[in-house]
């Protein structure tokens, strides 16, 4: 949903509105847009809805960084929950690659550098994004790169991240997001989280946008792709 938002200086800007809708257990009134919940499932829905609120508020903590989506407010209406955020006039890196194919190395490295700045600010607060991939990276009309989708974010507890990690709702869980090629296999089997997992995903994303191929398993990442890459790009991927 796109709406106009009045800024502090009196000007207006477009915002995007994200709403919570649990397809498995909820329905929506076509006239009022009010959300209804299946009988007996209120507690389950409220638990997931609370994760949605926590996600929004956590992004607000990160959003001092220009490469992380800016969230303005979280609110309840129509028996559900919403949050408003900046509207990015552009497209995802995934969409860009589908339309354009591979990206020139110089441009690709600049995109990855901007995503790395977003991750750096998260890692300084000891949070992992856990779903870095082209579909979760937006590029606006001015070339600014913005990281989005913070649902799988996990917290870790020391600078090396070798203690158990908690998801945003405080639960220690195995990672449930599975995007083939963008996470190391061990990430699905442990309850320990550290910045290295996001760095792996960043390298896999770079591999994808310069080769237009799904990233291989890490043990094959150094194989020569069909497209000739410079030593600089190859070293960045490694």
Protein backbone atom coordinates (compact mmCIF):
# COMPACT_ATOMS: atom_id res chain seq x y z
CA UNK A 1 0.00 0.00 0.00
CA UNK A 2 1.35 3.47 -0.83
CA UNK A 3 0.24 6.62 1.02
CA UNK A 4 1.49 10.17 1.43
CA UNK A 5 3.20 11.08 4.71
CA UNK A 6 3.64 14.64 5.99
CA UNK A 7 7.26 15.30 6.97
CA UNK A 8 8.47 17.55 9.79
CA UNK A 9 9.26 20.31 7.31
CA UNK A 10 5.68 20.28 5.97
CA UNK A 11 6.47 18.46 2.73
CA UNK A 12 4.89 15.15 1.80
CA UNK A 13 6.52 11.89 0.74
CA UNK A 14 5.27 8.46 -0.30
CA UNK A 15 5.33 5.70 2.29
CA UNK A 16 4.73 1.96 2.01
CA UNK A 17 2.41 0.19 4.45
CA UNK A 18 3.01 -3.44 5.37
CA UNK A 19 0.17 -5.31 7.05
CA UNK A 20 0.08 -8.49 9.08
CA UNK A 21 -2.08 -11.23 7.58
CA UNK A 22 -1.66 -14.83 8.67
CA UNK A 23 -3.04 -16.66 5.63
CA UNK A 24 -3.15 -19.99 7.42
CA UNK A 25 -5.51 -18.88 10.18
CA UNK A 26 -7.11 -15.59 9.07
CA UNK A 27 -9.60 -14.18 6.57
CA UNK A 28 -10.40 -10.64 5.42
CA UNK A 29 -13.80 -8.99 5.04
CA UNK A 30 -13.90 -7.75 1.40
CA UNK A 31 -16.05 -4.71 2.36
CA UNK A 32 -14.41 -3.43 5.54
CA UNK A 33 -10.96 -5.06 5.13
CA UNK A 34 -11.27 -6.12 8.78
CA UNK A 35 -9.34 -9.30 9.54
CA UNK A 36 -11.06 -12.30 11.14
CA UNK A 37 -9.34 -15.19 12.91
CA UNK A 38 -10.37 -18.83 12.92
CA UNK A 39 -11.96 -19.88 16.20
CA UNK A 40 -9.51 -21.32 18.68
CA UNK A 41 -6.48 -19.93 16.84
CA UNK A 42 -6.33 -16.51 18.51
CA UNK A 43 -3.31 -17.34 20.68
CA UNK A 44 -1.34 -18.71 17.74
CA UNK A 45 -2.15 -15.69 15.58
CA UNK A 46 -1.31 -13.26 18.37
CA UNK A 47 2.07 -14.93 18.85
CA UNK A 48 2.95 -14.52 15.16
CA UNK A 49 1.52 -10.98 15.12
CA UNK A 50 3.78 -10.08 18.02
CA UNK A 51 6.77 -11.21 15.96
CA UNK A 52 5.58 -8.82 13.24
CA UNK A 53 5.52 -5.91 15.74
CA UNK A 54 8.95 -6.83 17.11
CA UNK A 55 10.36 -7.00 13.59
CA UNK A 56 9.09 -3.50 12.82
CA UNK A 57 10.45 -2.00 16.03
CA UNK A 58 13.79 -3.72 15.56
CA UNK A 59 14.16 -2.26 12.06
CA UNK A 60 13.62 1.17 13.62
CA UNK A 61 16.68 0.47 15.76
CA UNK A 62 18.76 -0.26 12.65
CA UNK A 63 17.31 2.40 10.39
CA UNK A 64 19.80 5.16 11.20
CA UNK A 65 21.77 3.45 8.45
CA UNK A 66 20.82 4.79 5.01
CA UNK A 67 21.12 1.29 3.53
CA UNK A 68 18.43 -0.19 5.82
CA UNK A 69 14.74 0.47 5.17
CA UNK A 70 13.40 3.26 7.39
CA UNK A 71 10.35 2.35 9.51
CA UNK A 72 8.19 5.23 10.80
CA UNK A 73 5.48 3.76 13.04
CA UNK A 74 3.73 0.56 14.09
CA UNK A 75 -0.03 0.56 14.71
CA UNK A 76 -3.11 -1.68 15.07
CA UNK A 77 -6.28 -1.27 12.98
CA UNK A 78 -8.94 -3.54 11.39
CA UNK A 79 -8.14 -6.28 13.90
CA UNK A 80 -4.59 -6.57 12.58
CA UNK A 81 -1.23 -4.78 12.75
CA UNK A 82 0.59 -2.50 10.30
CA UNK A 83 3.82 -0.59 10.00
CA UNK A 84 4.67 2.30 7.74
CA UNK A 85 8.08 2.63 6.10
CA UNK A 86 9.82 4.62 3.42
CA UNK A 87 8.70 3.91 -0.11
CA UNK A 88 11.62 2.88 -2.32
CA UNK A 89 11.07 4.05 -5.88
CA UNK A 90 12.96 1.31 -7.68
CA UNK A 91 13.19 -2.47 -7.88
CA UNK A 92 14.81 -5.41 -6.13
CA UNK A 93 18.23 -6.61 -7.17
CA UNK A 94 16.58 -9.91 -8.06
CA UNK A 95 14.15 -8.20 -10.45
CA UNK A 96 16.99 -6.16 -11.92
CA UNK A 97 18.99 -9.31 -12.66
CA UNK A 98 15.98 -11.01 -14.28
CA UNK A 99 15.52 -8.05 -16.60
CA UNK A 100 19.16 -7.14 -17.25
CA UNK A 101 21.05 -10.40 -16.69
CA UNK A 102 24.51 -10.03 -15.19
CA UNK A 103 25.69 -6.76 -13.66
CA UNK A 104 29.02 -5.18 -14.54
CA UNK A 105 31.66 -5.99 -11.94
CA UNK A 106 32.25 -2.37 -10.98
CA UNK A 107 28.54 -1.79 -10.35
CA UNK A 108 28.16 -5.17 -8.61
CA UNK A 109 31.00 -4.43 -6.18
CA UNK A 110 29.46 -1.04 -5.37
CA UNK A 111 26.10 -2.71 -4.63
CA UNK A 112 27.75 -5.27 -2.37
CA UNK A 113 29.71 -2.53 -0.58
CA UNK A 114 26.45 -0.74 0.27
CA UNK A 115 24.84 -3.95 1.55
CA UNK A 116 27.99 -4.58 3.61
CA UNK A 117 27.54 -1.16 5.28
CA UNK A 118 24.00 -2.18 6.27
CA UNK A 119 25.21 -5.50 7.67
CA UNK A 120 28.08 -3.81 9.51
CA UNK A 121 25.66 -1.66 11.50
CA UNK A 122 23.58 -4.74 12.36
CA UNK A 123 26.60 -6.80 13.37
CA UNK A 124 27.84 -4.00 15.62
CA UNK A 125 24.57 -4.47 17.52
CA UNK A 126 25.13 -8.26 17.37
CA UNK A 127 22.25 -9.07 15.05
CA UNK A 128 22.28 -11.28 11.96
CA UNK A 129 19.97 -10.60 9.02
CA UNK A 130 19.93 -14.28 7.94
CA UNK A 131 18.28 -13.79 4.54
CA UNK A 132 20.65 -11.70 2.43
CA UNK A 133 19.85 -12.39 -1.23
CA UNK A 134 19.03 -10.37 -4.38
CA UNK A 135 15.28 -10.41 -3.66
CA UNK A 136 15.81 -8.65 -0.30
CA UNK A 137 18.01 -5.88 -1.70
CA UNK A 138 16.28 -2.84 -3.24
CA UNK A 139 17.87 -0.25 -5.54
CA UNK A 140 16.19 3.14 -5.88
CA UNK A 141 16.23 5.43 -8.89
CA UNK A 142 19.32 7.21 -7.56
CA UNK A 143 21.32 4.02 -7.12
CA UNK A 144 20.94 3.81 -3.32
CA UNK A 145 20.93 0.20 -2.15
CA UNK A 146 18.57 -0.73 0.71
CA UNK A 147 18.35 -3.99 2.67
CA UNK A 148 14.82 -5.19 3.56
CA UNK A 149 12.94 -8.16 5.12
CA UNK A 150 14.04 -8.55 8.72
CA UNK A 151 11.72 -11.38 9.77
CA UNK A 152 14.52 -13.99 10.20
CA UNK A 153 16.83 -11.65 12.19
CA UNK A 154 18.61 -13.33 15.12
CA UNK A 155 20.51 -11.92 18.07
CA UNK A 156 23.84 -13.31 19.25
CA UNK A 157 25.61 -12.64 22.51
CA UNK A 158 29.28 -12.00 22.05
CA UNK A 159 31.51 -10.49 19.39
CA UNK A 160 32.27 -13.90 17.87
CA UNK A 161 28.65 -15.04 17.97
CA UNK A 162 29.53 -18.49 19.26
CA UNK A 163 26.78 -18.61 21.86
CA UNK A 164 23.21 -19.60 21.05
CA UNK A 165 21.26 -17.02 19.08
CA UNK A 166 17.71 -15.84 19.72
CA UNK A 167 15.17 -14.80 17.13
CA UNK A 168 13.50 -11.42 17.59
CA UNK A 169 10.78 -12.82 19.83
CA UNK A 170 13.37 -14.21 22.25
CA UNK A 171 13.08 -17.85 21.19
CA UNK A 172 16.20 -19.90 20.50
CA UNK A 173 15.33 -21.75 17.33
CA UNK A 174 16.84 -23.42 14.32
CA UNK A 175 16.84 -21.23 11.26
CA UNK A 176 13.65 -21.84 9.24
CA UNK A 177 14.36 -19.67 6.18
CA UNK A 178 15.77 -21.81 3.38
CA UNK A 179 16.93 -20.01 0.24
CA UNK A 180 18.97 -22.43 -1.80
CA UNK A 181 22.51 -21.24 -2.47
CA UNK A 182 22.56 -18.19 -0.21
CA UNK A 183 23.27 -19.79 3.19
CA UNK A 184 25.91 -22.33 4.22
CA UNK A 185 24.42 -25.76 4.88
CA UNK A 186 25.44 -25.73 8.55
CA UNK A 187 23.22 -22.70 9.17
CA UNK A 188 20.14 -24.95 9.06
CA UNK A 189 21.49 -27.43 11.59
CA UNK A 190 22.74 -25.31 14.49
CA UNK A 191 21.40 -22.91 17.09
CA UNK A 192 24.55 -20.80 16.97
CA UNK A 193 24.65 -17.65 14.89
CA UNK A 194 27.46 -15.28 13.94
CA UNK A 195 28.26 -12.57 11.43
CA UNK A 196 30.03 -15.04 9.14
CA UNK A 197 26.68 -16.42 7.97
CA UNK A 198 25.66 -13.03 6.56
CA UNK A 199 29.10 -12.56 5.02
CA UNK A 200 28.68 -15.91 3.24
CA UNK A 201 25.32 -14.72 1.88
CA UNK A 202 26.90 -11.48 0.72
CA UNK A 203 29.51 -13.42 -1.28
CA UNK A 204 26.82 -15.69 -2.71
CA UNK A 205 24.82 -12.64 -3.77
CA UNK A 206 27.86 -11.19 -5.51
CA UNK A 207 28.39 -14.50 -7.29
CA UNK A 208 24.78 -14.46 -8.52
CA UNK A 209 24.77 -10.93 -9.89
CA UNK A 210 28.06 -11.24 -11.81
CA UNK A 211 27.41 -14.73 -13.22
CA UNK A 212 23.58 -14.94 -13.34
CA UNK A 213 23.89 -18.42 -11.83
CA UNK A 214 22.52 -19.77 -8.55
CA UNK A 215 25.41 -19.76 -6.06
CA UNK A 216 26.96 -23.23 -5.66
CA UNK A 217 27.85 -24.88 -2.38
CA UNK A 218 30.83 -23.19 -0.73
CA UNK A 219 33.16 -26.07 -1.62
CA UNK A 220 32.55 -25.31 -5.31
CA UNK A 221 32.38 -21.53 -5.02
CA UNK A 222 35.95 -21.15 -6.27
CA UNK A 223 35.29 -23.10 -9.47
CA UNK A 224 35.65 -20.99 -12.58
CA UNK A 225 32.23 -19.79 -13.77
CA UNK A 226 31.45 -19.68 -17.49
CA UNK A 227 31.82 -15.90 -17.51
CA UNK A 228 35.37 -14.61 -17.09
CA UNK A 229 35.76 -12.65 -13.86
CA UNK A 230 38.55 -10.37 -12.77
CA UNK A 231 40.80 -11.42 -9.89
CA UNK A 232 39.27 -8.60 -7.84
CA UNK A 233 35.72 -9.96 -8.21
CA UNK A 234 36.83 -13.55 -7.70
CA UNK A 235 38.69 -12.63 -4.51
CA UNK A 236 35.69 -10.66 -3.22
CA UNK A 237 33.46 -13.71 -3.73
CA UNK A 238 35.95 -15.98 -1.91
